[in-house]
Amino acid sequence: MNFIQWLILGLVFYASGFGLRHYHFKDKALTKNTIISLSAITFLLSVVVFVALNFLALKKPLDLAFVGVSSLVSTFIFYYGLSTDTSNNMNIPD
């Protein structure tokens, strides 16, 4: 996989976290348990996606380092999109 494909994959995970928070939860505050459970589900789904990428796209035997690191990074990107900072610490002065 080249660099552009990794960027697109990161964009997909970030956009899914942001979209889930923005469109599904709207004005409701997310609890830590909800964020952790959604991140765990994303980790399990990304493990399946990266195992499939390993076998189908890369056509190599199972590379656990590739699957593990890629799944952790994609889960972190999803978590970052899901739980952005909503505090008023970064207001632009008038």
PDB file of N, CA and C in Angstrom:
ATOM      1  N   MET A   1       0.846  -1.172   0.000  1.00  0.00           N
ATOM      2  CA  MET A   1       0.000   0.000   0.000  1.00  0.00           C
ATOM      3  C   MET A   1       0.892   1.236   0.000  1.00  0.00           C
ATOM      4  N   ASN A   2       0.521   2.198  -0.800  1.00  0.00           N
ATOM      5  CA  ASN A   2       1.325   3.414  -0.846  1.00  0.00           C
ATOM      6  C   ASN A   2       0.779   4.464   0.115  1.00  0.00           C
ATOM      7  N   PHE A   3       1.458   5.602   0.165  1.00  0.00           N
ATOM      8  CA  PHE A   3       1.149   6.630   1.144  1.00  0.00           C
ATOM      9  C   PHE A   3      -0.250   7.215   0.957  1.00  0.00           C
ATOM     10  N   ILE A   4      -0.665   7.425  -0.276  1.00  0.00           N
ATOM     11  CA  ILE A   4      -1.988   7.996  -0.542  1.00  0.00           C
ATOM     12  C   ILE A   4      -3.088   7.050  -0.060  1.00  0.00           C
ATOM     13  N   GLN A   5      -2.894   5.756  -0.226  1.00  0.00           N
ATOM     14  CA  GLN A   5      -3.891   4.800   0.249  1.00  0.00           C
ATOM     15  C   GLN A   5      -3.990   4.816   1.768  1.00  0.00           C
ATOM     16  N   TRP A   6      -2.871   4.979   2.461  1.00  0.00           N
ATOM     17  CA  TRP A   6      -2.905   5.083   3.916  1.00  0.00           C
ATOM     18  C   TRP A   6      -3.623   6.349   4.356  1.00  0.00           C
ATOM     19  N   LEU A   7      -3.394   7.450   3.653  1.00  0.00           N
ATOM     20  CA  LEU A   7      -4.083   8.695   3.990  1.00  0.00           C
ATOM     21  C   LEU A   7      -5.590   8.580   3.782  1.00  0.00           C
ATOM     22  N   ILE A   8      -5.988   7.951   2.700  1.00  0.00           N
ATOM     23  CA  ILE A   8      -7.415   7.772   2.430  1.00  0.00           C
ATOM     24  C   ILE A   8      -8.045   6.874   3.488  1.00  0.00           C
ATOM     25  N   LEU A   9      -7.338   5.823   3.886  1.00  0.00           N
ATOM     26  CA  LEU A   9      -7.862   4.933   4.920  1.00  0.00           C
ATOM     27  C   LEU A   9      -7.994   5.662   6.256  1.00  0.00           C
ATOM     28  N   GLY A  10      -7.026   6.503   6.594  1.00  0.00           N
ATOM     29  CA  GLY A  10      -7.129   7.316   7.807  1.00  0.00           C
ATOM     30  C   GLY A  10      -8.276   8.300   7.729  1.00  0.00           C
ATOM     31  N   LEU A  11      -8.479   8.879   6.554  1.00  0.00           N
ATOM     32  CA  LEU A  11      -9.588   9.802   6.362  1.00  0.00           C
ATOM     33  C   LEU A  11     -10.927   9.102   6.540  1.00  0.00           C
ATOM     34  N   VAL A  12     -11.028   7.872   6.078  1.00  0.00           N
ATOM     35  CA  VAL A  12     -12.270   7.106   6.233  1.00  0.00           C
ATOM     36  C   VAL A  12     -12.561   6.860   7.714  1.00  0.00           C
ATOM     37  N   PHE A  13     -11.557   6.476   8.486  1.00  0.00           N
ATOM     38  CA  PHE A  13     -11.772   6.219   9.909  1.00  0.00           C
ATOM     39  C   PHE A  13     -12.079   7.505  10.667  1.00  0.00           C
ATOM     40  N   TYR A  14     -11.380   8.604  10.343  1.00  0.00           N
ATOM     41  CA  TYR A  14     -11.654   9.867  11.015  1.00  0.00           C
ATOM     42  C   TYR A  14     -13.058  10.367  10.678  1.00  0.00           C
ATOM     43  N   ALA A  15     -13.420  10.291   9.402  1.00  0.00           N
ATOM     44  CA  ALA A  15     -14.738  10.760   8.972  1.00  0.00           C
ATOM     45  C   ALA A  15     -15.852   9.911   9.568  1.00  0.00           C
ATOM     46  N   SER A  16     -15.614   8.617   9.741  1.00  0.00           N
ATOM     47  CA  SER A  16     -16.649   7.782  10.352  1.00  0.00           C
ATOM     48  C   SER A  16     -16.837   8.136  11.823  1.00  0.00           C
ATOM     49  N   GLY A  17     -15.764   8.415  12.539  1.00  0.00           N
ATOM     50  CA  GLY A  17     -15.896   8.842  13.935  1.00  0.00           C
ATOM     51  C   GLY A  17     -16.550  10.202  14.063  1.00  0.00           C
ATOM     52  N   PHE A  18     -16.122  11.148  13.228  1.00  0.00           N
ATOM     53  CA  PHE A  18     -16.697  12.481  13.258  1.00  0.00           C
ATOM     54  C   PHE A  18     -18.163  12.452  12.836  1.00  0.00           C
ATOM     55  N   GLY A  19     -18.469  11.708  11.781  1.00  0.00           N
ATOM     56  CA  GLY A  19     -19.846  11.625  11.296  1.00  0.00           C
ATOM     57  C   GLY A  19     -20.770  10.963  12.304  1.00  0.00           C
ATOM     58  N   LEU A  20     -20.288   9.938  12.961  1.00  0.00           N
ATOM     59  CA  LEU A  20     -21.089   9.269  13.983  1.00  0.00           C
ATOM     60  C   LEU A  20     -21.405  10.226  15.131  1.00  0.00           C
ATOM     61  N   ARG A  21     -20.402  10.976  15.565  1.00  0.00           N
ATOM     62  CA  ARG A  21     -20.623  11.928  16.658  1.00  0.00           C
ATOM     63  C   ARG A  21     -21.515  13.082  16.215  1.00  0.00           C
ATOM     64  N   HIS A  22     -21.297  13.581  15.016  1.00  0.00           N
ATOM     65  CA  HIS A  22     -22.006  14.776  14.565  1.00  0.00           C
ATOM     66  C   HIS A  22     -23.443  14.483  14.130  1.00  0.00           C
ATOM     67  N   TYR A  23     -23.653  13.386  13.424  1.00  0.00           N
ATOM     68  CA  TYR A  23     -24.983  13.127  12.873  1.00  0.00           C
ATOM     69  C   TYR A  23     -25.837  12.200  13.734  1.00  0.00           C
ATOM     70  N   HIS A  24     -25.225  11.251  14.421  1.00  0.00           N
ATOM     71  CA  HIS A  24     -26.019  10.310  15.217  1.00  0.00           C
ATOM     72  C   HIS A  24     -26.270  10.835  16.629  1.00  0.00           C
ATOM     73  N   PHE A  25     -25.220  11.342  17.271  1.00  0.00           N
ATOM     74  CA  PHE A  25     -25.369  11.777  18.657  1.00  0.00           C
ATOM     75  C   PHE A  25     -25.735  13.243  18.775  1.00  0.00           C
ATOM     76  N   LYS A  26     -25.507  14.030  17.755  1.00  0.00           N
ATOM     77  CA  LYS A  26     -25.836  15.452  17.653  1.00  0.00           C
ATOM     78  C   LYS A  26     -25.470  16.229  18.917  1.00  0.00           C
ATOM     79  N   ASP A  27     -26.452  16.629  19.715  1.00  0.00           N
ATOM     80  CA  ASP A  27     -26.175  17.459  20.885  1.00  0.00           C
ATOM     81  C   ASP A  27     -26.025  16.662  22.175  1.00  0.00           C
ATOM     82  N   LYS A  28     -26.186  15.348  22.099  1.00  0.00           N
ATOM     83  CA  LYS A  28     -26.027  14.526  23.297  1.00  0.00           C
ATOM     84  C   LYS A  28     -24.546  14.377  23.623  1.00  0.00           C
ATOM     85  N   ALA A  29     -24.239  14.446  24.898  1.00  0.00           N
ATOM     86  CA  ALA A  29     -22.862  14.243  25.335  1.00  0.00           C
ATOM     87  C   ALA A  29     -22.549  12.754  25.347  1.00  0.00           C
ATOM     88  N   LEU A  30     -21.397  12.414  24.822  1.00  0.00           N
ATOM     89  CA  LEU A  30     -20.976  11.015  24.817  1.00  0.00           C
ATOM     90  C   LEU A  30     -20.313  10.669  26.143  1.00  0.00           C
ATOM     91  N   THR A  31     -20.711   9.549  26.715  1.00  0.00           N
ATOM     92  CA  THR A  31     -20.068   9.089  27.942  1.00  0.00           C
ATOM     93  C   THR A  31     -18.795   8.328  27.593  1.00  0.00           C
ATOM     94  N   LYS A  32     -17.932   8.159  28.568  1.00  0.00           N
ATOM     95  CA  LYS A  32     -16.693   7.417  28.353  1.00  0.00           C
ATOM     96  C   LYS A  32     -16.972   5.968  27.966  1.00  0.00           C
ATOM     97  N   ASN A  33     -18.016   5.374  28.569  1.00  0.00           N
ATOM     98  CA  ASN A  33     -18.341   3.984  28.241  1.00  0.00           C
ATOM     99  C   ASN A  33     -18.774   3.845  26.790  1.00  0.00           C
ATOM    100  N   THR A  34     -19.527   4.811  26.283  1.00  0.00           N
ATOM    101  CA  THR A  34     -19.953   4.778  24.885  1.00  0.00           C
ATOM    102  C   THR A  34     -18.759   4.923  23.959  1.00  0.00           C
ATOM    103  N   ILE A  35     -17.873   5.838  24.275  1.00  0.00           N
ATOM    104  CA  ILE A  35     -16.694   6.057  23.440  1.00  0.00           C
ATOM    105  C   ILE A  35     -15.804   4.829  23.431  1.00  0.00           C
ATOM    106  N   ILE A  36     -15.597   4.223  24.586  1.00  0.00           N
ATOM    107  CA  ILE A  36     -14.740   3.042  24.665  1.00  0.00           C
ATOM    108  C   ILE A  36     -15.364   1.860  23.941  1.00  0.00           C
ATOM    109  N   SER A  37     -16.674   1.671  24.075  1.00  0.00           N
ATOM    110  CA  SER A  37     -17.311   0.546  23.387  1.00  0.00           C
ATOM    111  C   SER A  37     -17.308   0.744  21.871  1.00  0.00           C
ATOM    112  N   LEU A  38     -17.527   1.965  21.404  1.00  0.00           N
ATOM    113  CA  LEU A  38     -17.452   2.222  19.961  1.00  0.00           C
ATOM    114  C   LEU A  38     -16.028   2.049  19.440  1.00  0.00           C
ATOM    115  N   SER A  39     -15.048   2.427  20.229  1.00  0.00           N
ATOM    116  CA  SER A  39     -13.659   2.232  19.829  1.00  0.00           C
ATOM    117  C   SER A  39     -13.291   0.755  19.798  1.00  0.00           C
ATOM    118  N   ALA A  40     -13.800  -0.023  20.734  1.00  0.00           N
ATOM    119  CA  ALA A  40     -13.533  -1.462  20.732  1.00  0.00           C
ATOM    120  C   ALA A  40     -14.163  -2.138  19.519  1.00  0.00           C
ATOM    121  N   ILE A  41     -15.367  -1.730  19.175  1.00  0.00           N
ATOM    122  CA  ILE A  41     -16.016  -2.277  17.975  1.00  0.00           C
ATOM    123  C   ILE A  41     -15.223  -1.898  16.734  1.00  0.00           C
ATOM    124  N   THR A  42     -14.737  -0.667  16.681  1.00  0.00           N
ATOM    125  CA  THR A  42     -13.928  -0.231  15.551  1.00  0.00           C
ATOM    126  C   THR A  42     -12.629  -1.016  15.467  1.00  0.00           C
ATOM    127  N   PHE A  43     -12.013  -1.310  16.611  1.00  0.00           N
ATOM    128  CA  PHE A  43     -10.790  -2.109  16.610  1.00  0.00           C
ATOM    129  C   PHE A  43     -11.043  -3.499  16.031  1.00  0.00           C
ATOM    130  N   LEU A  44     -12.131  -4.130  16.457  1.00  0.00           N
ATOM    131  CA  LEU A  44     -12.428  -5.467  15.937  1.00  0.00           C
ATOM    132  C   LEU A  44     -12.730  -5.436  14.443  1.00  0.00           C
ATOM    133  N   LEU A  45     -13.462  -4.431  13.991  1.00  0.00           N
ATOM    134  CA  LEU A  45     -13.739  -4.314  12.558  1.00  0.00           C
ATOM    135  C   LEU A  45     -12.468  -4.021  11.765  1.00  0.00           C
ATOM    136  N   SER A  46     -11.587  -3.201  12.319  1.00  0.00           N
ATOM    137  CA  SER A  46     -10.355  -2.902  11.596  1.00  0.00           C
ATOM    138  C   SER A  46      -9.412  -4.100  11.554  1.00  0.00           C
ATOM    139  N   VAL A  47      -9.443  -4.959  12.567  1.00  0.00           N
ATOM    140  CA  VAL A  47      -8.656  -6.191  12.496  1.00  0.00           C
ATOM    141  C   VAL A  47      -9.125  -7.045  11.320  1.00  0.00           C
ATOM    142  N   VAL A  48     -10.438  -7.161  11.164  1.00  0.00           N
ATOM    143  CA  VAL A  48     -10.979  -7.940  10.044  1.00  0.00           C
ATOM    144  C   VAL A  48     -10.592  -7.300   8.710  1.00  0.00           C
ATOM    145  N   VAL A  49     -10.689  -5.978   8.622  1.00  0.00           N
ATOM    146  CA  VAL A  49     -10.351  -5.269   7.380  1.00  0.00           C
ATOM    147  C   VAL A  49      -8.879  -5.457   7.037  1.00  0.00           C
ATOM    148  N   PHE A  50      -7.994  -5.338   8.011  1.00  0.00           N
ATOM    149  CA  PHE A  50      -6.573  -5.444   7.718  1.00  0.00           C
ATOM    150  C   PHE A  50      -6.125  -6.880   7.482  1.00  0.00           C
ATOM    151  N   VAL A  51      -6.791  -7.848   8.071  1.00  0.00           N
ATOM    152  CA  VAL A  51      -6.497  -9.240   7.716  1.00  0.00           C
ATOM    153  C   VAL A  51      -6.910  -9.501   6.272  1.00  0.00           C
ATOM    154  N   ALA A  52      -8.070  -8.974   5.875  1.00  0.00           N
ATOM    155  CA  ALA A  52      -8.506  -9.124   4.488  1.00  0.00           C
ATOM    156  C   ALA A  52      -7.549  -8.405   3.538  1.00  0.00           C
ATOM    157  N   LEU A  53      -7.103  -7.206   3.903  1.00  0.00           N
ATOM    158  CA  LEU A  53      -6.126  -6.502   3.076  1.00  0.00           C
ATOM    159  C   LEU A  53      -4.822  -7.271   2.978  1.00  0.00           C
ATOM    160  N   ASN A  54      -4.417  -7.887   4.065  1.00  0.00           N
ATOM    161  CA  ASN A  54      -3.179  -8.655   4.069  1.00  0.00           C
ATOM    162  C   ASN A  54      -3.258  -9.829   3.104  1.00  0.00           C
ATOM    163  N   PHE A  55      -4.358 -10.539   3.118  1.00  0.00           N
ATOM    164  CA  PHE A  55      -4.474 -11.714   2.256  1.00  0.00           C
ATOM    165  C   PHE A  55      -4.849 -11.364   0.823  1.00  0.00           C
ATOM    166  N   LEU A  56      -5.789 -10.438   0.632  1.00  0.00           N
ATOM    167  CA  LEU A  56      -6.316 -10.179  -0.704  1.00  0.00           C
ATOM    168  C   LEU A  56      -5.491  -9.152  -1.479  1.00  0.00           C
ATOM    169  N   ALA A  57      -5.172  -8.024  -0.869  1.00  0.00           N
ATOM    170  CA  ALA A  57      -4.468  -6.969  -1.597  1.00  0.00           C
ATOM    171  C   ALA A  57      -2.961  -7.188  -1.632  1.00  0.00           C
ATOM    172  N   LEU A  58      -2.387  -7.537  -0.500  1.00  0.00           N
ATOM    173  CA  LEU A  58      -0.941  -7.711  -0.439  1.00  0.00           C
ATOM    174  C   LEU A  58      -0.492  -9.103  -0.854  1.00  0.00           C
ATOM    175  N   LYS A  59      -1.404 -10.071  -0.791  1.00  0.00           N
ATOM    176  CA  LYS A  59      -1.143 -11.465  -1.172  1.00  0.00           C
ATOM    177  C   LYS A  59       0.088 -12.029  -0.452  1.00  0.00           C
ATOM    178  N   LYS A  60       0.102 -11.863   0.861  1.00  0.00           N
ATOM    179  CA  LYS A  60       1.190 -12.350   1.699  1.00  0.00           C
ATOM    180  C   LYS A  60       0.614 -13.211   2.811  1.00  0.00           C
ATOM    181  N   PRO A  61       1.452 -14.035   3.453  1.00  0.00           N
ATOM    182  CA  PRO A  61       0.963 -14.753   4.637  1.00  0.00           C
ATOM    183  C   PRO A  61       0.646 -13.764   5.754  1.00  0.00           C
ATOM    184  N   LEU A  62      -0.058 -14.223   6.763  1.00  0.00           N
ATOM    185  CA  LEU A  62      -0.533 -13.349   7.832  1.00  0.00           C
ATOM    186  C   LEU A  62       0.632 -12.647   8.526  1.00  0.00           C
ATOM    187  N   ASP A  63       0.603 -11.337   8.495  1.00  0.00           N
ATOM    188  CA  ASP A  63       1.607 -10.490   9.127  1.00  0.00           C
ATOM    189  C   ASP A  63       0.945  -9.825  10.332  1.00  0.00           C
ATOM    190  N   LEU A  64       1.195 -10.372  11.515  1.00  0.00           N
ATOM    191  CA  LEU A  64       0.528  -9.879  12.715  1.00  0.00           C
ATOM    192  C   LEU A  64       0.963  -8.462  13.083  1.00  0.00           C
ATOM    193  N   ALA A  65       2.197  -8.101  12.779  1.00  0.00           N
ATOM    194  CA  ALA A  65       2.647  -6.736  13.074  1.00  0.00           C
ATOM    195  C   ALA A  65       1.887  -5.727  12.218  1.00  0.00           C
ATOM    196  N   PHE A  66       1.697  -6.020  10.952  1.00  0.00           N
ATOM    197  CA  PHE A  66       0.941  -5.145  10.056  1.00  0.00           C
ATOM    198  C   PHE A  66      -0.500  -5.000  10.531  1.00  0.00           C
ATOM    199  N   VAL A  67      -1.120  -6.116  10.853  1.00  0.00           N
ATOM    200  CA  VAL A  67      -2.523  -6.106  11.278  1.00  0.00           C
ATOM    201  C   VAL A  67      -2.670  -5.398  12.615  1.00  0.00           C
ATOM    202  N   GLY A  68      -1.808  -5.684  13.564  1.00  0.00           N
ATOM    203  CA  GLY A  68      -1.914  -5.096  14.900  1.00  0.00           C
ATOM    204  C   GLY A  68      -1.668  -3.600  14.921  1.00  0.00           C
ATOM    205  N   VAL A  69      -0.575  -3.166  14.308  1.00  0.00           N
ATOM    206  CA  VAL A  69      -0.247  -1.741  14.320  1.00  0.00           C
ATOM    207  C   VAL A  69      -1.267  -0.951  13.506  1.00  0.00           C
ATOM    208  N   SER A  70      -1.657  -1.457  12.352  1.00  0.00           N
ATOM    209  CA  SER A  70      -2.635  -0.756  11.524  1.00  0.00           C
ATOM    210  C   SER A  70      -3.979  -0.644  12.231  1.00  0.00           C
ATOM    211  N   SER A  71      -4.383  -1.682  12.942  1.00  0.00           N
ATOM    212  CA  SER A  71      -5.650  -1.647  13.664  1.00  0.00           C
ATOM    213  C   SER A  71      -5.609  -0.669  14.827  1.00  0.00           C
ATOM    214  N   LEU A  72      -4.500  -0.636  15.535  1.00  0.00           N
ATOM    215  CA  LEU A  72      -4.373   0.317  16.645  1.00  0.00           C
ATOM    216  C   LEU A  72      -4.364   1.756  16.153  1.00  0.00           C
ATOM    217  N   VAL A  73      -3.652   2.017  15.071  1.00  0.00           N
ATOM    218  CA  VAL A  73      -3.599   3.382  14.535  1.00  0.00           C
ATOM    219  C   VAL A  73      -4.965   3.813  14.029  1.00  0.00           C
ATOM    220  N   SER A  74      -5.656   2.930  13.323  1.00  0.00           N
ATOM    221  CA  SER A  74      -6.980   3.297  12.805  1.00  0.00           C
ATOM    222  C   SER A  74      -7.981   3.498  13.937  1.00  0.00           C
ATOM    223  N   THR A  75      -7.867   2.725  15.004  1.00  0.00           N
ATOM    224  CA  THR A  75      -8.746   2.910  16.157  1.00  0.00           C
ATOM    225  C   THR A  75      -8.467   4.240  16.844  1.00  0.00           C
ATOM    226  N   PHE A  76      -7.197   4.621  16.948  1.00  0.00           N
ATOM    227  CA  PHE A  76      -6.861   5.916  17.531  1.00  0.00           C
ATOM    228  C   PHE A  76      -7.409   7.058  16.681  1.00  0.00           C
ATOM    229  N   ILE A  77      -7.306   6.942  15.368  1.00  0.00           N
ATOM    230  CA  ILE A  77      -7.832   7.982  14.480  1.00  0.00           C
ATOM    231  C   ILE A  77      -9.348   8.074  14.614  1.00  0.00           C
ATOM    232  N   PHE A  78     -10.031   6.936  14.699  1.00  0.00           N
ATOM    233  CA  PHE A  78     -11.477   6.928  14.916  1.00  0.00           C
ATOM    234  C   PHE A  78     -11.823   7.573  16.257  1.00  0.00           C
ATOM    235  N   TYR A  79     -11.076   7.220  17.305  1.00  0.00           N
ATOM    236  CA  TYR A  79     -11.300   7.795  18.634  1.00  0.00           C
ATOM    237  C   TYR A  79     -11.120   9.302  18.609  1.00  0.00           C
ATOM    238  N   TYR A  80     -10.114   9.785  17.899  1.00  0.00           N
ATOM    239  CA  TYR A  80      -9.875  11.216  17.801  1.00  0.00           C
ATOM    240  C   TYR A  80     -11.021  11.917  17.084  1.00  0.00           C
ATOM    241  N   GLY A  81     -11.569  11.303  16.052  1.00  0.00           N
ATOM    242  CA  GLY A  81     -12.711  11.887  15.355  1.00  0.00           C
ATOM    243  C   GLY A  81     -13.981  11.832  16.172  1.00  0.00           C
ATOM    244  N   LEU A  82     -14.110  10.817  17.008  1.00  0.00           N
ATOM    245  CA  LEU A  82     -15.310  10.641  17.825  1.00  0.00           C
ATOM    246  C   LEU A  82     -15.328  11.573  19.028  1.00  0.00           C
ATOM    247  N   SER A  83     -14.196  11.829  19.613  1.00  0.00           N
ATOM    248  CA  SER A  83     -14.164  12.583  20.868  1.00  0.00           C
ATOM    249  C   SER A  83     -13.286  13.828  20.741  1.00  0.00           C
ATOM    250  N   THR A  84     -13.637  14.717  19.843  1.00  0.00           N
ATOM    251  CA  THR A  84     -12.866  15.949  19.724  1.00  0.00           C
ATOM    252  C   THR A  84     -13.152  16.856  20.913  1.00  0.00           C
ATOM    253  N   ASP A  85     -12.263  17.768  21.158  1.00  0.00           N
ATOM    254  CA  ASP A  85     -12.377  18.660  22.300  1.00  0.00           C
ATOM    255  C   ASP A  85     -13.502  19.659  22.059  1.00  0.00           C
ATOM    256  N   THR A  86     -14.467  19.681  22.962  1.00  0.00           N
ATOM    257  CA  THR A  86     -15.588  20.606  22.824  1.00  0.00           C
ATOM    258  C   THR A  86     -15.539  21.714  23.858  1.00  0.00           C
ATOM    259  N   SER A  87     -14.431  21.801  24.584  1.00  0.00           N
ATOM    260  CA  SER A  87     -14.349  22.859  25.591  1.00  0.00           C
ATOM    261  C   SER A  87     -14.112  24.192  24.911  1.00  0.00           C
ATOM    262  N   ASN A  88     -14.263  25.250  25.657  1.00  0.00           N
ATOM    263  CA  ASN A  88     -14.117  26.586  25.103  1.00  0.00           C
ATOM    264  C   ASN A  88     -12.713  27.145  25.339  1.00  0.00           C
ATOM    265  N   ASN A  89     -11.721  26.296  25.346  1.00  0.00           N
ATOM    266  CA  ASN A  89     -10.357  26.742  25.587  1.00  0.00           C
ATOM    267  C   ASN A  89      -9.740  27.443  24.380  1.00  0.00           C
ATOM    268  N   MET A  90     -10.238  27.191  23.197  1.00  0.00           N
ATOM    269  CA  MET A  90      -9.611  27.697  21.988  1.00  0.00           C
ATOM    270  C   MET A  90     -10.478  28.742  21.283  1.00  0.00           C
ATOM    271  N   ASN A  91     -11.176  29.568  22.025  1.00  0.00           N
ATOM    272  CA  ASN A  91     -12.004  30.606  21.413  1.00  0.00           C
ATOM    273  C   ASN A  91     -11.150  31.694  20.794  1.00  0.00           C
ATOM    274  N   ILE A  92     -11.585  32.197  19.662  1.00  0.00           N
ATOM    275  CA  ILE A  92     -10.914  33.310  19.019  1.00  0.00           C
ATOM    276  C   ILE A  92     -11.330  34.588  19.728  1.00  0.00           C
ATOM    277  N   PRO A  93     -10.390  35.431  20.121  1.00  0.00           N
ATOM    278  CA  PRO A  93     -10.769  36.660  20.830  1.00  0.00           C
ATOM    279  C   PRO A  93     -11.525  37.613  19.913  1.00  0.00           C
ATOM    280  N   ASP A  94     -12.428  38.382  20.510  1.00  0.00           N
ATOM    281  CA  ASP A  94     -13.228  39.341  19.740  1.00  0.00           C
ATOM    282  C   ASP A  94     -12.468  40.605  19.473  1.00  0.00           C
TER     283      ASP A  94
END
